[in-house]
Amino acid sequence: MSKNLYGQTFYDSQILGSLQSAQVYLYYLFSIWGVPGSVADLGCGRGAWLATCRDLGVRRVVGLDGDWNSQRDMLDQHIQFYPADLEQKIPLTDTFDLAMSLEVAEHLHPDSSATFVESLCGLSDAVLFGAAFTGQPGQNHINTRPHSFWAEFFFSRGYVLFDLFRPVFWDDDRVDPCYRQNTFLYVKPEHSLFRALEQKGHVCKRDTQFIDCVHPAVYVGLVREFNKLQRSLVNDKVESSPDTTDLLPGAEDLYKQAENQIALRQTDAAADTYRQILAGEPDNPECLLRLSALLLHMKCYEECFQQVQHFLRLVDDVAFAYVLAGQVAREVGHWQESREFLLRAIVLDPSNVYARVLCCMSIFTICGHESEAEAIIHAYADELDRLVCDTLLNSPGEIMAADEAIGVLTPFFLPYLGCDVKDLQRRYGSWVCSIMAAKYPQFTQPLTVEAAPGKIKIGIVSNYFHHHSNWKIPISGWLEQLDRRQFSIHCFYTGDINDAATESARSLADSFFQDANVESLAVELYGHKCDVLLYPGIGMDTATLKLAALRLAPVQCASWGHPVTTGMPTIDYYISSALMEPAEADSHYTEKLIRLPNLSVWCEPVTTNQVVSGGIEIPGLKEQDIVFLCNQNILKYLPHYDGIFPAIARQVENARFVFIASYVPELTEKFLRRLDNAFDIKGLTAADYVTVLPQLGEAGFIALNARADVFLDSIEWSGCNTVLESLPFNTPIVTLPGSFMRGRHAYAVLKMMGIKNTIASNVDDYISIAVCLANDLSWRKEISARICQNKHRIYRDRECIDGLERFLLNVSGREKV
């Protein structure tokens, strides 16, 4: 295979469909069989299927692909990647519980077909296999075959076939059509998967009857390709006749073709049509702009960035192009350049609300020094004021433009700056509500509490009914623990990721509605007539932000999935933790603050099968080094506290501070420059004490926690999930409670466990505690033993659930039956 056929653009274009399809198929397979211990993927691409295996609990995942792919390109860095020529017998001698290869074999030379199957069979006696059917369209499809062709290879090696997925998922739009048509299981009868399938009533096949059927969606694609071929043949004839050149399809015809393809949601085909135009006219500005906009929608960010930059080299006065460039530059990690593009867009079109929102919200970044944080806050306040004043809602077009701008980027990072954000959030929240009221006036009137007989209907609206910190805290606890004799729970899912957590939510809810369309969700929510709506993470995604700005239930509540006031007049209550809130906390919220007992959330302990063995490689780390774990998002580390790290290092000879890099390299670089300066002031070299690890998967975080000696909590925005994830290892935690709830998570956890002497009263105290824990092994062990003894208090806390139930009964006007 030619390596230039498969760059990252190719892989990026496949990744979303692969991830969702993998989540559906692998969850179904593992629910029948159990979670295997090891999986190998031959032709793994970016590792979407292996990353999903990891999410579902597979401990060892191995990917093989051509040498144009690499370890750093894997979605999960704990995928072990090996470069291999897939057209030759692979040299790997390990065996696995499951091997898979999906939509790969069609890209290989036809003469290598038997060798490829032999490689798969050498990896496992259970193979998940699928390859493109005869004539199926796709990039470099040089070896498309009937399914029976491949089946005979497996049959000759002692495998039987299970057509497990097609009968169940044939019409399931969550799965890409290619997987719905092409995916089969080949299993040897002595394998545990064979027995599990038989026990569930699945019947194997030892022949190829009926497996060569074509899915309607794929058939339509084949017809389209046939028609294109016919047109091509006609055009060839036309080109040979000088008298009929006016019949040649021009750019206008191809534009119409692309528009029709987009209308039919055939975005890949539309992008190819635009590329066809550019092949003949590489400097066609209109086509470059159309393709750039489409690629942004398709999340093909790298190619989009290239195309829109090409456009701007040709035309430098189109605001829309600078907006596109600003959006995609941020997606590929160029935050500073993104803001420069957006500022240029505002100069060219000051009335463009979409550009104004992007520009306003893109101001947040890593602060180089304390004064920069203040400057950012003031600049944001000024830009927000101009945005609010200049947003016109006098016509349907103006309302639509403003609606499209909501949530394209939110002030999510504003509270990271450590300031009181209530007034700024009130301005932003009121702005969002005014737009949504203009668009949906039917959903703006206050609704009265009606104490009707029967169960209290609770709605949960979230983008995170999947494996996510918001799912773990607080959603899963609400679903599992609220008294179902008193309450019915109705879930409204705004996201598109489906995994084991999603299936759990479906099974636990009285009803489960999933849709990304805000209007459909609003109609469904309003029609459900819930007594109380709970929004656990307002401000983290667009759909829930918009819905929260409407009046869809008599009582609407936020909670601390995002631990900051929403500023929205449509949100009545903010459900928080009594232990986390300072005494004056009522003044921090536009909502009425509700302090539930203790941590306010039901937490499950980390079970032993989630704690994997094996270490983590930390560059430069010596065995005797004291590892201070600093694994928060680096945006949480404020310049004001940089001096803490060198102050500790001066008193702990073998200190090693371990941070996690941002997914945006320029933020990591700016943070490291800050640390270099802080250590230099103390006469030290940061590189001697600081290690920054790349983004880690779940197993990597577990291994890092296992190696840590002391957990250093970030100040003013404390760790929550990260603190809880350290508890299985009984790692001592040092914290300094902040001024706001978001800076007091670790404080509350330590108070819950009755551990007060690692809670600092000021910065000097924080440094002193950290130094003592590092240098005094006996005290470190004592604190660790107390965590081990008392952490059970954190888990399965019935008081917080009882408190939530009392609140829900009270605000819905009911009494306990």
Foldseek 3Di string as FASTA:
>chain_A
DDLVLDAVLNLLLCQQQLLLQLQVVVQVLCVLQNQWQEEEEEAQRLNSNVQQSVVVQHNAYEYEEAPSDDLVSHPFNRHHYDYDDLLAQGPDQEATLEYEYEQPLQQDAQVSLLSNVVNRVSHYQKYKYFHAAPQQDDRNRNHHHFLQVNLVSLLVVQWWKFPPQLVPCLPPVSHPQRCNLTIIMTHHCVRSSNVSCVVVPTDTHSHCPPSRDHRPVRVVNSVVVVVVVVVVVVVVVQVVDPVRVVPDDDPVNLQVVLVVCVVVVVLVVSLVSLVVNCVVVVLPLVSLLVNLVSCVVSVSLVVSLVSLVSNCVVPVQALVSLQSNLLSCVVQQNLVVSLVSLVSSCVNPVLQLLSLLSNLQSLDAADLALVVLVVSVVSSLVSLVSSLVSQDLPDPVSLVSNLVNFFPGFNLLNLLSLDQCLVVLLSVQASLLVSLCSVCVVFADADDQDADDDAAEEEEEEQPLDPDVVLQPAVVQVLPPFPVRRYAYEYEHQYSRDHPSNVVSCVSHPYYHYHNDLVVSLVVLLVVAGQEYEYADARPGRSVVNSLSTHRHNAYEYEPPPDAENSHPSHAEYEFAPLLFDPVACVSYPHGYDHFYFRLHAHAADDPSLQDDDADDFPPADPLAAEAEDEDALSNAHLVQLLLVLLLCVLQVRAAYEYEDDPNNVSRVSSVVSNQVSNVVVVHGVVSHYTYHYDHDSNNLSNVLLPHQAYEFRASAGDAVSLSSNLVNLHHYAAEAYPGSRRCRVVSQCVLLVHDQRHAPDSVSNSVSVNCSNPPVVVSVVSSVSSVVRNVSVHRPVRSSVRVNVVSCVSSVHDDD
